[in-house]
Amino acid sequence: MLTAFTMIQARPDAIKTIAQTLASLPHVNEVYSVTGEWDIIAIVRLKDYEKLAEVIPDEVSRLDGIIRTNTILAFRRFSPGDLEAAWSVGIE
């Protein structure tokens, strides 16, 4: 499973509508409004890389009010148990 984080800059008057529309798309799992340079972050999960080439430019980027996007792909997901094991030095 491929996970992508798409950061979105949007017109201020369109942020709420864009976020609601993104949340309704089948491959978008989570949508957050955020502070800083970006207005919205959408977490996209797909079965293969080829589908990413359709979802981001053809579905996400074409939404009215979006100024620009930047997509980052995840290499690996760490759960709390994974992180604990990775940082454990074996001292109790």
Protein backbone atom coordinates (compact mmCIF):
# COMPACT_ATOMS: atom_id res chain seq x y z
CA MET A 1 0.00 0.00 0.00
CA LEU A 2 1.35 3.40 -1.03
CA THR A 3 0.84 6.37 1.29
CA ALA A 4 1.19 9.92 0.02
CA PHE A 5 0.92 13.20 1.88
CA THR A 6 -0.40 15.94 -0.38
CA MET A 7 0.07 19.47 0.90
CA ILE A 8 -2.27 22.00 -0.62
CA GLN A 9 -2.26 25.78 -0.86
CA ALA A 10 -5.74 27.13 -1.50
CA ARG A 11 -7.63 30.37 -1.79
CA PRO A 12 -8.80 31.28 1.72
CA ASP A 13 -12.46 31.34 0.67
CA ALA A 14 -12.18 27.80 -0.76
CA ILE A 15 -10.38 25.93 2.04
CA LYS A 16 -13.47 24.48 3.73
CA THR A 17 -15.07 23.37 0.44
CA ILE A 18 -11.84 21.82 -0.81
CA ALA A 19 -11.32 19.94 2.47
CA GLN A 20 -14.86 18.57 2.39
CA THR A 21 -14.51 17.51 -1.25
CA LEU A 22 -11.16 15.84 -0.60
CA ALA A 23 -12.60 13.92 2.34
CA SER A 24 -15.24 12.45 0.04
CA LEU A 25 -12.73 11.11 -2.53
CA PRO A 26 -12.28 7.33 -2.35
CA HIS A 27 -8.47 7.30 -2.06
CA VAL A 28 -8.22 10.14 0.46
CA ASN A 29 -8.18 8.70 3.97
CA GLU A 30 -7.70 11.81 6.08
CA VAL A 31 -7.79 15.57 5.55
CA TYR A 32 -6.36 18.20 7.90
CA SER A 33 -6.42 21.98 7.91
CA VAL A 34 -2.98 23.13 9.03
CA THR A 35 -0.95 26.23 9.83
CA GLY A 36 2.05 27.52 7.94
CA GLU A 37 2.82 27.58 4.23
CA TRP A 38 0.17 24.98 3.41
CA ASP A 39 -3.55 25.16 4.15
CA ILE A 40 -4.56 21.51 3.87
CA ILE A 41 -2.83 18.14 4.08
CA ALA A 42 -4.54 15.12 2.55
CA ILE A 43 -3.38 11.58 3.28
CA VAL A 44 -3.85 9.44 0.19
CA ARG A 45 -3.55 5.64 0.24
CA LEU A 46 -3.31 3.66 -2.98
CA LYS A 47 -2.55 0.09 -4.02
CA ASP A 48 0.02 1.06 -6.64
CA TYR A 49 2.22 3.90 -7.80
CA GLU A 50 0.53 4.20 -11.21
CA LYS A 51 -2.77 5.20 -9.59
CA LEU A 52 -1.00 8.13 -7.92
CA ALA A 53 -0.41 9.63 -11.37
CA GLU A 54 -4.19 9.76 -11.81
CA VAL A 55 -5.40 10.72 -8.35
CA ILE A 56 -3.19 13.74 -7.63
CA PRO A 57 -3.13 15.59 -10.98
CA ASP A 58 -6.53 14.49 -12.26
CA GLU A 59 -8.67 14.52 -9.09
CA VAL A 60 -6.97 16.55 -6.37
CA SER A 61 -5.11 19.29 -8.23
CA ARG A 62 -8.07 20.17 -10.43
CA LEU A 63 -10.35 21.15 -7.57
CA ASP A 64 -11.47 24.75 -7.85
CA GLY A 65 -9.58 27.02 -5.48
CA ILE A 66 -6.37 25.01 -5.27
CA ILE A 67 -3.33 27.18 -5.95
CA ARG A 68 -0.61 24.53 -5.74
CA THR A 69 0.18 21.11 -4.34
CA ASN A 70 3.24 19.21 -3.17
CA THR A 71 3.11 15.46 -2.70
CA ILE A 72 5.48 13.44 -0.52
CA LEU A 73 5.59 9.63 -0.63
CA ALA A 74 6.12 7.59 2.53
CA PHE A 75 8.76 4.85 2.54
CA ARG A 76 7.70 3.11 5.73
CA ARG A 77 5.09 3.40 8.46
CA PHE A 78 6.09 3.02 12.10
CA SER A 79 3.58 2.01 14.72
CA PRO A 80 4.09 2.86 18.42
CA GLY A 81 5.39 -0.70 19.02
CA ASP A 82 7.88 -0.38 16.15
CA LEU A 83 9.18 2.90 17.54
CA GLU A 84 9.54 1.50 21.04
CA ALA A 85 11.54 -1.48 19.75
CA ALA A 86 13.73 0.74 17.56
CA TRP A 87 14.71 3.01 20.46
CA SER A 88 14.88 0.43 23.20
CA VAL A 89 18.37 -0.26 24.52
CA GLY A 90 17.27 -3.28 26.52
CA ILE A 91 17.50 -1.64 29.93
CA GLU A 92 14.49 -2.12 32.17
